[in-house]
Amino acid sequence: MSTTRTALRRAGAGTALAAAVLLAATAASAHVTVHPESYPKGATDGVLTFRVPNEEDAAATTKVQVFLPTDHPVLGVLVHPQDGWTAKVTTSKLKAPVKTDDGTITEAASQITFTGGRIGAGQYEDFTVAFGQLPDDGGQLVFKTLQTYSDGKVARWIEQPAAGGEEPENPAPTLKLTAATTTAPTTPAPATTGAADTSDSTARGLGIAGLVAGVLGLGAAAVALRSRAARP
């Protein structure tokens, strides 16, 4: 009996430990993230999706505030309509205007606030934002985010991950900016006009030579016939 009880205690302890590890892993992964995880510097006409999971069992997420950097601004922000949610985009003047092909930009989106909807326990919501152009400098964009629950609790996803370090407890959604992609110019195929013209000229020359030879042959045949007809 003692052996059985010891085995049961060990099994119970192992189960509790596994449950604790699973709970910790779930809590660690239940933070606001941005997708995709990276974009090339200076990318244009793209989409960012902010995924917001609800990590509270007794409360629903009722408000999400995403703060966009203005030192490396995201230009041309447009919000995709989300059923049940109202989006408000706040713009701010830039300290350093940005020159683009369409002119100089002096203001850019600095905050997007989503309200009116609910994200229940065990659920998540994807908020999609389109952009016209990403900055062409810097190595990453940090989107600090506040997540407000129906019980008044606010989860602050504002900690910036350190380079090469461990993920902080409350990490902010971070977009990596990779080296800009450039399309190599297409090398034009070698011109074949000259070769084609040469071949065409050769063919024409041979054709003309054949015609001349044919005419001369006919003339010689005619002379031969006349000579035979003139003999007694």
C-alpha atoms as a PDB file:
ATOM      1  CA  MET A   1       0.000   0.000   0.000  1.00  0.00           C
ATOM      2  CA  SER A   2       2.808   2.373   0.877  1.00  0.00           C
ATOM      3  CA  THR A   3       4.398   1.751  -2.509  1.00  0.00           C
ATOM      4  CA  THR A   4       1.120   2.490  -4.253  1.00  0.00           C
ATOM      5  CA  ARG A   5       0.622   5.710  -2.266  1.00  0.00           C
ATOM      6  CA  THR A   6       4.164   6.824  -3.052  1.00  0.00           C
ATOM      7  CA  ALA A   7       3.599   6.190  -6.762  1.00  0.00           C
ATOM      8  CA  LEU A   8       0.328   8.107  -6.681  1.00  0.00           C
ATOM      9  CA  ARG A   9       1.979  11.037  -4.896  1.00  0.00           C
ATOM     10  CA  ARG A  10       4.762  11.111  -7.489  1.00  0.00           C
ATOM     11  CA  ALA A  11       2.260  10.913 -10.338  1.00  0.00           C
ATOM     12  CA  GLY A  12       0.215  13.708  -8.801  1.00  0.00           C
ATOM     13  CA  ALA A  13       3.291  15.857  -8.358  1.00  0.00           C
ATOM     14  CA  GLY A  14       4.331  15.223 -11.967  1.00  0.00           C
ATOM     15  CA  THR A  15       0.876  16.132 -13.244  1.00  0.00           C
ATOM     16  CA  ALA A  16       0.838  19.334 -11.200  1.00  0.00           C
ATOM     17  CA  LEU A  17       4.286  20.266 -12.487  1.00  0.00           C
ATOM     18  CA  ALA A  18       3.240  19.608 -16.092  1.00  0.00           C
ATOM     19  CA  ALA A  19       0.102  21.694 -15.605  1.00  0.00           C
ATOM     20  CA  ALA A  20       2.150  24.533 -14.127  1.00  0.00           C
ATOM     21  CA  VAL A  21       4.585  24.444 -17.045  1.00  0.00           C
ATOM     22  CA  LEU A  22       1.711  24.423 -19.560  1.00  0.00           C
ATOM     23  CA  LEU A  23       0.018  27.334 -17.776  1.00  0.00           C
ATOM     24  CA  ALA A  24       3.257  29.313 -17.728  1.00  0.00           C
ATOM     25  CA  ALA A  25       3.843  28.652 -21.432  1.00  0.00           C
ATOM     26  CA  THR A  26       0.294  29.706 -22.273  1.00  0.00           C
ATOM     27  CA  ALA A  27       0.589  32.903 -20.246  1.00  0.00           C
ATOM     28  CA  ALA A  28       3.950  33.685 -21.847  1.00  0.00           C
ATOM     29  CA  SER A  29       2.558  33.324 -25.352  1.00  0.00           C
ATOM     30  CA  ALA A  30      -0.702  35.187 -24.685  1.00  0.00           C
ATOM     31  CA  HIS A  31       0.519  38.629 -25.619  1.00  0.00           C
ATOM     32  CA  VAL A  32      -0.254  41.032 -28.450  1.00  0.00           C
ATOM     33  CA  THR A  33       1.789  40.327 -31.587  1.00  0.00           C
ATOM     34  CA  VAL A  34       2.160  41.799 -35.075  1.00  0.00           C
ATOM     35  CA  HIS A  35       2.139  39.741 -38.265  1.00  0.00           C
ATOM     36  CA  PRO A  36       4.105  39.249 -40.394  1.00  0.00           C
ATOM     37  CA  GLU A  37       7.116  39.419 -38.118  1.00  0.00           C
ATOM     38  CA  SER A  38       9.251  41.299 -40.662  1.00  0.00           C
ATOM     39  CA  TYR A  39       9.106  43.548 -43.723  1.00  0.00           C
ATOM     40  CA  PRO A  40      11.815  45.000 -45.970  1.00  0.00           C
ATOM     41  CA  LYS A  41      12.843  48.566 -45.221  1.00  0.00           C
ATOM     42  CA  GLY A  42      10.850  51.060 -47.248  1.00  0.00           C
ATOM     43  CA  ALA A  43       8.207  48.467 -48.180  1.00  0.00           C
ATOM     44  CA  THR A  44       5.090  49.939 -49.797  1.00  0.00           C
ATOM     45  CA  ASP A  45       1.411  48.985 -49.975  1.00  0.00           C
ATOM     46  CA  GLY A  46       1.481  46.278 -47.314  1.00  0.00           C
ATOM     47  CA  VAL A  47      -0.650  45.012 -44.443  1.00  0.00           C
ATOM     48  CA  LEU A  48       0.045  44.588 -40.722  1.00  0.00           C
ATOM     49  CA  THR A  49      -2.168  42.425 -38.513  1.00  0.00           C
ATOM     50  CA  PHE A  50      -2.229  42.926 -34.754  1.00  0.00           C
ATOM     51  CA  ARG A  51      -3.352  39.750 -32.988  1.00  0.00           C
ATOM     52  CA  VAL A  52      -4.902  40.363 -29.568  1.00  0.00           C
ATOM     53  CA  PRO A  53      -5.612  37.280 -27.401  1.00  0.00           C
ATOM     54  CA  ASN A  54      -7.718  37.448 -24.250  1.00  0.00           C
ATOM     55  CA  GLU A  55      -5.805  36.053 -21.273  1.00  0.00           C
ATOM     56  CA  GLU A  56      -8.415  36.712 -18.575  1.00  0.00           C
ATOM     57  CA  ASP A  57     -10.949  34.029 -17.591  1.00  0.00           C
ATOM     58  CA  ALA A  58     -13.415  36.365 -15.900  1.00  0.00           C
ATOM     59  CA  ALA A  59     -13.211  39.468 -18.127  1.00  0.00           C
ATOM     60  CA  ALA A  60     -13.414  40.409 -21.804  1.00  0.00           C
ATOM     61  CA  THR A  61     -11.128  42.711 -23.764  1.00  0.00           C
ATOM     62  CA  THR A  62     -13.092  45.844 -24.630  1.00  0.00           C
ATOM     63  CA  LYS A  63     -10.439  48.288 -25.820  1.00  0.00           C
ATOM     64  CA  VAL A  64      -7.148  48.056 -27.703  1.00  0.00           C
ATOM     65  CA  GLN A  65      -4.773  50.974 -28.237  1.00  0.00           C
ATOM     66  CA  VAL A  66      -1.873  50.579 -30.646  1.00  0.00           C
ATOM     67  CA  PHE A  67       0.791  53.308 -30.605  1.00  0.00           C
ATOM     68  CA  LEU A  68       2.769  53.829 -33.799  1.00  0.00           C
ATOM     69  CA  PRO A  69       6.311  55.269 -33.692  1.00  0.00           C
ATOM     70  CA  THR A  70       6.664  58.809 -35.003  1.00  0.00           C
ATOM     71  CA  ASP A  71      10.461  58.944 -35.059  1.00  0.00           C
ATOM     72  CA  HIS A  72      10.269  56.312 -37.821  1.00  0.00           C
ATOM     73  CA  PRO A  73       6.707  56.904 -39.042  1.00  0.00           C
ATOM     74  CA  VAL A  74       4.449  54.516 -40.897  1.00  0.00           C
ATOM     75  CA  LEU A  75       2.881  56.478 -43.753  1.00  0.00           C
ATOM     76  CA  GLY A  76      -0.570  56.133 -45.311  1.00  0.00           C
ATOM     77  CA  VAL A  77      -2.264  54.141 -42.534  1.00  0.00           C
ATOM     78  CA  LEU A  78      -5.732  52.737 -43.283  1.00  0.00           C
ATOM     79  CA  VAL A  79      -7.792  50.559 -40.922  1.00  0.00           C
ATOM     80  CA  HIS A  80      -9.794  47.574 -42.150  1.00  0.00           C
ATOM     81  CA  PRO A  81     -13.393  47.586 -40.820  1.00  0.00           C
ATOM     82  CA  GLN A  82     -13.873  45.066 -38.014  1.00  0.00           C
ATOM     83  CA  ASP A  83     -17.336  43.753 -37.146  1.00  0.00           C
ATOM     84  CA  GLY A  84     -18.456  45.133 -33.783  1.00  0.00           C
ATOM     85  CA  TRP A  85     -15.456  47.421 -33.423  1.00  0.00           C
ATOM     86  CA  THR A  86     -14.936  51.128 -34.057  1.00  0.00           C
ATOM     87  CA  ALA A  87     -11.466  52.306 -35.018  1.00  0.00           C
ATOM     88  CA  LYS A  88     -10.115  55.805 -34.440  1.00  0.00           C
ATOM     89  CA  VAL A  89      -6.823  56.902 -36.000  1.00  0.00           C
ATOM     90  CA  THR A  90      -4.971  59.741 -34.285  1.00  0.00           C
ATOM     91  CA  THR A  91      -2.320  61.658 -36.234  1.00  0.00           C
ATOM     92  CA  SER A  92       0.568  63.746 -34.960  1.00  0.00           C
ATOM     93  CA  LYS A  93       2.968  66.241 -36.501  1.00  0.00           C
ATOM     94  CA  LEU A  94       6.353  64.788 -37.304  1.00  0.00           C
ATOM     95  CA  LYS A  95       9.507  66.335 -35.872  1.00  0.00           C
ATOM     96  CA  ALA A  96      11.278  65.557 -39.117  1.00  0.00           C
ATOM     97  CA  PRO A  97       9.091  65.718 -42.274  1.00  0.00           C
ATOM     98  CA  VAL A  98       9.431  62.822 -44.673  1.00  0.00           C
ATOM     99  CA  LYS A  99       9.966  63.427 -48.390  1.00  0.00           C
ATOM    100  CA  THR A 100       8.181  61.031 -50.737  1.00  0.00           C
ATOM    101  CA  ASP A 101       7.453  60.837 -54.448  1.00  0.00           C
ATOM    102  CA  ASP A 102       4.038  62.355 -53.690  1.00  0.00           C
ATOM    103  CA  GLY A 103       5.432  65.287 -51.726  1.00  0.00           C
ATOM    104  CA  THR A 104       6.578  66.074 -48.192  1.00  0.00           C
ATOM    105  CA  ILE A 105       4.688  64.401 -45.329  1.00  0.00           C
ATOM    106  CA  THR A 106       4.419  66.420 -42.115  1.00  0.00           C
ATOM    107  CA  GLU A 107       1.843  64.284 -40.223  1.00  0.00           C
ATOM    108  CA  ALA A 108       1.458  60.556 -39.662  1.00  0.00           C
ATOM    109  CA  ALA A 109      -0.656  58.147 -37.629  1.00  0.00           C
ATOM    110  CA  SER A 110       0.539  57.915 -34.030  1.00  0.00           C
ATOM    111  CA  GLN A 111      -2.256  55.902 -32.414  1.00  0.00           C
ATOM    112  CA  ILE A 112      -5.086  53.560 -33.395  1.00  0.00           C
ATOM    113  CA  THR A 113      -7.819  52.874 -30.838  1.00  0.00           C
ATOM    114  CA  PHE A 114     -10.298  50.012 -31.220  1.00  0.00           C
ATOM    115  CA  THR A 115     -13.441  50.102 -29.066  1.00  0.00           C
ATOM    116  CA  GLY A 116     -16.999  48.750 -28.995  1.00  0.00           C
ATOM    117  CA  GLY A 117     -16.251  45.049 -29.403  1.00  0.00           C
ATOM    118  CA  ARG A 118     -15.487  42.204 -27.018  1.00  0.00           C
ATOM    119  CA  ILE A 119     -12.864  39.472 -26.974  1.00  0.00           C
ATOM    120  CA  GLY A 120     -14.001  36.722 -24.622  1.00  0.00           C
ATOM    121  CA  ALA A 121     -12.012  34.215 -22.610  1.00  0.00           C
ATOM    122  CA  GLY A 122     -10.120  31.798 -24.807  1.00  0.00           C
ATOM    123  CA  GLN A 123     -10.601  34.007 -27.874  1.00  0.00           C
ATOM    124  CA  TYR A 124      -8.534  36.423 -29.932  1.00  0.00           C
ATOM    125  CA  GLU A 125      -9.138  39.155 -32.481  1.00  0.00           C
ATOM    126  CA  ASP A 126      -7.094  40.191 -35.518  1.00  0.00           C
ATOM    127  CA  PHE A 127      -6.986  43.910 -36.284  1.00  0.00           C
ATOM    128  CA  THR A 128      -5.747  44.618 -39.807  1.00  0.00           C
ATOM    129  CA  VAL A 129      -4.012  47.850 -40.787  1.00  0.00           C
ATOM    130  CA  ALA A 130      -2.818  48.752 -44.291  1.00  0.00           C
ATOM    131  CA  PHE A 131       0.122  51.071 -44.853  1.00  0.00           C
ATOM    132  CA  GLY A 132       1.422  53.074 -47.778  1.00  0.00           C
ATOM    133  CA  GLN A 133       5.102  53.014 -46.859  1.00  0.00           C
ATOM    134  CA  LEU A 134       7.373  51.827 -44.060  1.00  0.00           C
ATOM    135  CA  PRO A 135      10.483  53.767 -43.035  1.00  0.00           C
ATOM    136  CA  ASP A 136      13.674  52.915 -44.898  1.00  0.00           C
ATOM    137  CA  ASP A 137      15.934  53.288 -41.862  1.00  0.00           C
ATOM    138  CA  GLY A 138      16.209  51.591 -38.487  1.00  0.00           C
ATOM    139  CA  GLY A 139      16.153  47.909 -37.649  1.00  0.00           C
ATOM    140  CA  GLN A 140      12.686  47.500 -36.136  1.00  0.00           C
ATOM    141  CA  LEU A 141       9.381  49.180 -35.370  1.00  0.00           C
ATOM    142  CA  VAL A 142       7.959  48.873 -31.848  1.00  0.00           C
ATOM    143  CA  PHE A 143       4.177  49.194 -31.507  1.00  0.00           C
ATOM    144  CA  LYS A 144       3.433  49.711 -27.813  1.00  0.00           C
ATOM    145  CA  THR A 145      -0.079  48.457 -27.033  1.00  0.00           C
ATOM    146  CA  LEU A 146      -2.563  48.835 -24.178  1.00  0.00           C
ATOM    147  CA  GLN A 147      -5.249  46.149 -23.720  1.00  0.00           C
ATOM    148  CA  THR A 148      -8.177  47.127 -21.502  1.00  0.00           C
ATOM    149  CA  TYR A 149     -10.509  44.553 -19.918  1.00  0.00           C
ATOM    150  CA  SER A 150     -14.137  44.837 -18.868  1.00  0.00           C
ATOM    151  CA  ASP A 151     -13.124  44.725 -15.179  1.00  0.00           C
ATOM    152  CA  GLY A 152     -10.885  47.768 -15.605  1.00  0.00           C
ATOM    153  CA  LYS A 153      -7.578  45.904 -15.749  1.00  0.00           C
ATOM    154  CA  VAL A 154      -5.084  47.194 -18.317  1.00  0.00           C
ATOM    155  CA  ALA A 155      -2.393  44.957 -19.797  1.00  0.00           C
ATOM    156  CA  ARG A 156       0.543  47.110 -20.890  1.00  0.00           C
ATOM    157  CA  TRP A 157       2.437  45.538 -23.784  1.00  0.00           C
ATOM    158  CA  ILE A 158       5.119  48.207 -23.892  1.00  0.00           C
ATOM    159  CA  GLU A 159       8.461  46.587 -23.102  1.00  0.00           C
ATOM    160  CA  GLN A 160      10.971  46.677 -25.914  1.00  0.00           C
ATOM    161  CA  PRO A 161      12.884  43.438 -26.457  1.00  0.00           C
ATOM    162  CA  ALA A 162      16.645  43.786 -26.012  1.00  0.00           C
ATOM    163  CA  ALA A 163      18.877  42.754 -28.880  1.00  0.00           C
ATOM    164  CA  GLY A 164      19.913  39.162 -28.325  1.00  0.00           C
ATOM    165  CA  GLY A 165      18.270  39.083 -24.901  1.00  0.00           C
ATOM    166  CA  GLU A 166      15.347  37.168 -23.456  1.00  0.00           C
ATOM    167  CA  GLU A 167      11.806  38.240 -24.196  1.00  0.00           C
ATOM    168  CA  PRO A 168      10.518  40.676 -21.537  1.00  0.00           C
ATOM    169  CA  GLU A 169       7.481  39.891 -19.424  1.00  0.00           C
ATOM    170  CA  ASN A 170       5.228  42.354 -21.262  1.00  0.00           C
ATOM    171  CA  PRO A 171       6.732  42.633 -24.765  1.00  0.00           C
ATOM    172  CA  ALA A 172       5.467  45.184 -27.256  1.00  0.00           C
ATOM    173  CA  PRO A 173       4.560  43.965 -30.748  1.00  0.00           C
ATOM    174  CA  THR A 174       7.752  44.404 -32.766  1.00  0.00           C
ATOM    175  CA  LEU A 175       8.223  44.403 -36.527  1.00  0.00           C
ATOM    176  CA  LYS A 176      11.700  43.648 -37.826  1.00  0.00           C
ATOM    177  CA  LEU A 177      12.914  45.725 -40.769  1.00  0.00           C
ATOM    178  CA  THR A 178      15.110  43.689 -43.069  1.00  0.00           C
ATOM    179  CA  ALA A 179      17.406  44.793 -45.877  1.00  0.00           C
ATOM    180  CA  ALA A 180      15.476  46.366 -48.714  1.00  0.00           C
ATOM    181  CA  THR A 181      14.919  44.025 -51.626  1.00  0.00           C
ATOM    182  CA  THR A 182      16.023  45.231 -55.028  1.00  0.00           C
ATOM    183  CA  THR A 183      15.084  43.687 -58.338  1.00  0.00           C
ATOM    184  CA  ALA A 184      18.103  43.272 -60.567  1.00  0.00           C
ATOM    185  CA  PRO A 185      17.623  44.858 -64.013  1.00  0.00           C
ATOM    186  CA  THR A 186      16.828  42.340 -66.665  1.00  0.00           C
ATOM    187  CA  THR A 187      19.679  41.940 -69.158  1.00  0.00           C
ATOM    188  CA  PRO A 188      18.264  42.367 -72.646  1.00  0.00           C
ATOM    189  CA  ALA A 189      18.656  39.384 -74.940  1.00  0.00           C
ATOM    190  CA  PRO A 190      21.387  39.741 -77.601  1.00  0.00           C
ATOM    191  CA  ALA A 191      20.086  41.399 -80.725  1.00  0.00           C
ATOM    192  CA  THR A 192      19.389  38.928 -83.504  1.00  0.00           C
ATOM    193  CA  THR A 193      18.319  41.434 -86.129  1.00  0.00           C
ATOM    194  CA  GLY A 194      21.753  41.560 -87.744  1.00  0.00           C
ATOM    195  CA  ALA A 195      21.994  37.780 -87.991  1.00  0.00           C
ATOM    196  CA  ALA A 196      18.479  37.564 -89.337  1.00  0.00           C
ATOM    197  CA  ASP A 197      19.218  40.265 -91.908  1.00  0.00           C
ATOM    198  CA  THR A 198      22.406  38.446 -92.942  1.00  0.00           C
ATOM    199  CA  SER A 199      20.582  35.140 -93.313  1.00  0.00           C
ATOM    200  CA  ASP A 200      17.803  36.855 -95.245  1.00  0.00           C
ATOM    201  CA  SER A 201      20.297  38.574 -97.548  1.00  0.00           C
ATOM    202  CA  THR A 202      22.131  35.285 -98.142  1.00  0.00           C
ATOM    203  CA  ALA A 203      18.903  33.515 -98.969  1.00  0.00           C
ATOM    204  CA  ARG A 204      17.883  36.268-101.366  1.00  0.00           C
ATOM    205  CA  GLY A 205      21.314  36.159-103.031  1.00  0.00           C
ATOM    206  CA  LEU A 206      21.106  32.413-103.511  1.00  0.00           C
ATOM    207  CA  GLY A 207      17.608  32.754-104.902  1.00  0.00           C
ATOM    208  CA  ILE A 208      18.657  35.363-107.416  1.00  0.00           C
ATOM    209  CA  ALA A 209      21.706  33.314-108.429  1.00  0.00           C
ATOM    210  CA  GLY A 210      19.440  30.316-109.004  1.00  0.00           C
ATOM    211  CA  LEU A 211      17.112  32.358-111.167  1.00  0.00           C
ATOM    212  CA  VAL A 212      20.004  33.680-113.236  1.00  0.00           C
ATOM    213  CA  ALA A 213      21.396  30.173-113.703  1.00  0.00           C
ATOM    214  CA  GLY A 214      17.960  28.953-114.731  1.00  0.00           C
ATOM    215  CA  VAL A 215      17.572  31.723-117.309  1.00  0.00           C
ATOM    216  CA  LEU A 216      21.037  31.053-118.732  1.00  0.00           C
ATOM    217  CA  GLY A 217      20.224  27.337-118.926  1.00  0.00           C
ATOM    218  CA  LEU A 218      17.034  28.029-120.840  1.00  0.00           C
ATOM    219  CA  GLY A 219      18.921  30.306-123.219  1.00  0.00           C
ATOM    220  CA  ALA A 220      21.567  27.658-123.891  1.00  0.00           C
ATOM    221  CA  ALA A 221      18.896  25.044-124.544  1.00  0.00           C
ATOM    222  CA  ALA A 222      17.142  27.322-127.027  1.00  0.00           C
ATOM    223  CA  VAL A 223      20.383  27.943-128.935  1.00  0.00           C
ATOM    224  CA  ALA A 224      21.068  24.225-129.103  1.00  0.00           C
ATOM    225  CA  LEU A 225      17.613  23.515-130.502  1.00  0.00           C
ATOM    226  CA  ARG A 226      17.995  26.162-133.177  1.00  0.00           C
ATOM    227  CA  SER A 227      21.360  24.769-134.196  1.00  0.00           C
ATOM    228  CA  ARG A 228      19.889  21.272-134.623  1.00  0.00           C
ATOM    229  CA  ALA A 229      16.951  22.633-136.607  1.00  0.00           C
ATOM    230  CA  ALA A 230      19.327  24.475-139.016  1.00  0.00           C
ATOM    231  CA  ARG A 231      21.309  21.283-139.897  1.00  0.00           C
ATOM    232  CA  PRO A 232      20.300  19.461-143.255  1.00  0.00           C
END
